[in-house]
Amino acid sequence: MQSLYEEAIRLVEELREARLKAVRLAAELAKAEYDLRVAQARVERHWIRQAGGEKNLAPTVEDRTRIFTLALDSDEEYRARRERRDALALQLE
């Protein structure tokens, strides 16, 4: 009987640790997503300022989206933040 009780206590402790890890990962993931959005805004703002305004960057929304996508893919900081976010999301699954 005692070993069954000890096993239950051990399992409860493992579950508690797993839940704590999941909460920490979720908090890190939220921070990583926020950092990713900030990096995205920084890159987009840079390109808009260089072009002299959003309309000067490209005539249509689709063209601007393509330009921003290429700019984000070429930005090292954005790419590193995206990879960190993706790694955290994988750990959380």
C-alpha atoms as a PDB file:
ATOM      1  CA  MET A   1       0.000   0.000   0.000  1.00  0.00           C
ATOM      2  CA  GLN A   2       2.813   2.389   0.871  1.00  0.00           C
ATOM      3  CA  SER A   3       4.517   2.004  -2.519  1.00  0.00           C
ATOM      4  CA  LEU A   4       1.248   2.811  -4.304  1.00  0.00           C
ATOM      5  CA  TYR A   5       0.955   6.004  -2.264  1.00  0.00           C
ATOM      6  CA  GLU A   6       4.577   6.943  -2.998  1.00  0.00           C
ATOM      7  CA  GLU A   7       4.025   6.291  -6.697  1.00  0.00           C
ATOM      8  CA  ALA A   8       0.948   8.543  -6.680  1.00  0.00           C
ATOM      9  CA  ILE A   9       2.888  11.322  -4.940  1.00  0.00           C
ATOM     10  CA  ARG A  10       5.705  10.986  -7.476  1.00  0.00           C
ATOM     11  CA  LEU A  11       3.273  11.186 -10.391  1.00  0.00           C
ATOM     12  CA  VAL A  12       1.543  14.231  -8.915  1.00  0.00           C
ATOM     13  CA  GLU A  13       4.927  15.941  -8.577  1.00  0.00           C
ATOM     14  CA  GLU A  14       5.822  15.094 -12.203  1.00  0.00           C
ATOM     15  CA  LEU A  15       2.490  16.492 -13.351  1.00  0.00           C
ATOM     16  CA  ARG A  16       3.046  19.672 -11.336  1.00  0.00           C
ATOM     17  CA  GLU A  17       6.490  20.132 -12.933  1.00  0.00           C
ATOM     18  CA  ALA A  18       5.079  19.515 -16.421  1.00  0.00           C
ATOM     19  CA  ARG A  19       2.316  22.078 -15.883  1.00  0.00           C
ATOM     20  CA  LEU A  20       4.808  24.635 -14.604  1.00  0.00           C
ATOM     21  CA  LYS A  21       7.020  24.036 -17.632  1.00  0.00           C
ATOM     22  CA  ALA A  22       4.021  24.468 -19.956  1.00  0.00           C
ATOM     23  CA  VAL A  23       3.069  27.753 -18.294  1.00  0.00           C
ATOM     24  CA  ARG A  24       6.631  29.048 -18.562  1.00  0.00           C
ATOM     25  CA  LEU A  25       6.841  28.033 -22.219  1.00  0.00           C
ATOM     26  CA  ALA A  26       3.512  29.722 -22.940  1.00  0.00           C
ATOM     27  CA  ALA A  27       4.774  32.932 -21.329  1.00  0.00           C
ATOM     28  CA  GLU A  28       8.023  32.756 -23.313  1.00  0.00           C
ATOM     29  CA  LEU A  29       6.041  32.122 -26.492  1.00  0.00           C
ATOM     30  CA  ALA A  30       3.840  35.160 -25.872  1.00  0.00           C
ATOM     31  CA  LYS A  31       6.959  37.296 -25.341  1.00  0.00           C
ATOM     32  CA  ALA A  32       8.572  35.862 -28.488  1.00  0.00           C
ATOM     33  CA  GLU A  33       5.454  36.644 -30.541  1.00  0.00           C
ATOM     34  CA  TYR A  34       5.439  40.202 -29.195  1.00  0.00           C
ATOM     35  CA  ASP A  35       9.137  40.612 -30.031  1.00  0.00           C
ATOM     36  CA  LEU A  36       8.468  39.241 -33.514  1.00  0.00           C
ATOM     37  CA  ARG A  37       5.712  41.796 -34.125  1.00  0.00           C
ATOM     38  CA  VAL A  38       7.958  44.611 -32.898  1.00  0.00           C
ATOM     39  CA  ALA A  39      10.725  43.481 -35.263  1.00  0.00           C
ATOM     40  CA  GLN A  40       8.213  43.270 -38.120  1.00  0.00           C
ATOM     41  CA  ALA A  41       6.964  46.791 -37.422  1.00  0.00           C
ATOM     42  CA  ARG A  42      10.543  48.081 -37.298  1.00  0.00           C
ATOM     43  CA  VAL A  43      11.369  46.602 -40.715  1.00  0.00           C
ATOM     44  CA  GLU A  44       8.135  47.837 -42.295  1.00  0.00           C
ATOM     45  CA  ARG A  45       8.569  51.325 -40.827  1.00  0.00           C
ATOM     46  CA  HIS A  46      12.139  51.459 -42.162  1.00  0.00           C
ATOM     47  CA  TRP A  47      11.058  50.616 -45.705  1.00  0.00           C
ATOM     48  CA  ILE A  48       8.110  53.029 -45.623  1.00  0.00           C
ATOM     49  CA  ARG A  49      10.355  55.871 -44.442  1.00  0.00           C
ATOM     50  CA  GLN A  50      12.948  55.107 -47.108  1.00  0.00           C
ATOM     51  CA  ALA A  51      10.288  55.216 -49.820  1.00  0.00           C
ATOM     52  CA  GLY A  52       8.787  58.438 -48.503  1.00  0.00           C
ATOM     53  CA  GLY A  53       5.436  56.960 -47.545  1.00  0.00           C
ATOM     54  CA  GLU A  54       3.373  53.839 -47.905  1.00  0.00           C
ATOM     55  CA  LYS A  55       1.848  54.863 -51.237  1.00  0.00           C
ATOM     56  CA  ASN A  56       5.302  55.611 -52.650  1.00  0.00           C
ATOM     57  CA  LEU A  57       6.499  52.151 -51.685  1.00  0.00           C
ATOM     58  CA  ALA A  58       4.029  50.362 -53.975  1.00  0.00           C
ATOM     59  CA  PRO A  59       0.716  51.234 -55.620  1.00  0.00           C
ATOM     60  CA  THR A  60      -1.315  48.291 -54.288  1.00  0.00           C
ATOM     61  CA  VAL A  61      -1.652  46.445 -51.003  1.00  0.00           C
ATOM     62  CA  GLU A  62      -0.548  43.195 -52.653  1.00  0.00           C
ATOM     63  CA  ASP A  63       2.650  44.804 -53.938  1.00  0.00           C
ATOM     64  CA  ARG A  64       3.404  46.301 -50.522  1.00  0.00           C
ATOM     65  CA  THR A  65       2.796  42.906 -48.919  1.00  0.00           C
ATOM     66  CA  ARG A  66       5.284  41.294 -51.317  1.00  0.00           C
ATOM     67  CA  ILE A  67       7.870  43.990 -50.608  1.00  0.00           C
ATOM     68  CA  PHE A  68       7.440  43.612 -46.852  1.00  0.00           C
ATOM     69  CA  THR A  69       7.670  39.826 -47.107  1.00  0.00           C
ATOM     70  CA  LEU A  70      10.962  40.058 -48.985  1.00  0.00           C
ATOM     71  CA  ALA A  71      12.274  42.701 -46.582  1.00  0.00           C
ATOM     72  CA  LEU A  72      11.371  40.574 -43.555  1.00  0.00           C
ATOM     73  CA  ASP A  73      13.010  37.490 -45.052  1.00  0.00           C
ATOM     74  CA  SER A  74      16.242  39.418 -45.572  1.00  0.00           C
ATOM     75  CA  ASP A  75      16.306  40.900 -42.046  1.00  0.00           C
ATOM     76  CA  GLU A  76      18.549  38.870 -39.703  1.00  0.00           C
ATOM     77  CA  GLU A  77      16.950  40.062 -36.457  1.00  0.00           C
ATOM     78  CA  TYR A  78      13.437  39.249 -37.672  1.00  0.00           C
ATOM     79  CA  ARG A  79      14.530  35.829 -38.902  1.00  0.00           C
ATOM     80  CA  ALA A  80      16.198  35.019 -35.563  1.00  0.00           C
ATOM     81  CA  ARG A  81      13.093  36.072 -33.623  1.00  0.00           C
ATOM     82  CA  ARG A  82      10.859  34.011 -35.926  1.00  0.00           C
ATOM     83  CA  GLU A  83      13.057  30.935 -35.448  1.00  0.00           C
ATOM     84  CA  ARG A  84      12.942  31.402 -31.658  1.00  0.00           C
ATOM     85  CA  ARG A  85       9.148  31.705 -31.751  1.00  0.00           C
ATOM     86  CA  ASP A  86       8.866  28.587 -33.906  1.00  0.00           C
ATOM     87  CA  ALA A  87      11.159  26.612 -31.583  1.00  0.00           C
ATOM     88  CA  LEU A  88       9.116  27.613 -28.538  1.00  0.00           C
ATOM     89  CA  ALA A  89       5.877  26.707 -30.306  1.00  0.00           C
ATOM     90  CA  LEU A  90       7.291  23.265 -31.114  1.00  0.00           C
ATOM     91  CA  GLN A  91       8.300  22.697 -27.498  1.00  0.00           C
ATOM     92  CA  LEU A  92       4.838  23.664 -26.322  1.00  0.00           C
ATOM     93  CA  GLU A  93       3.099  21.138 -28.581  1.00  0.00           C
END
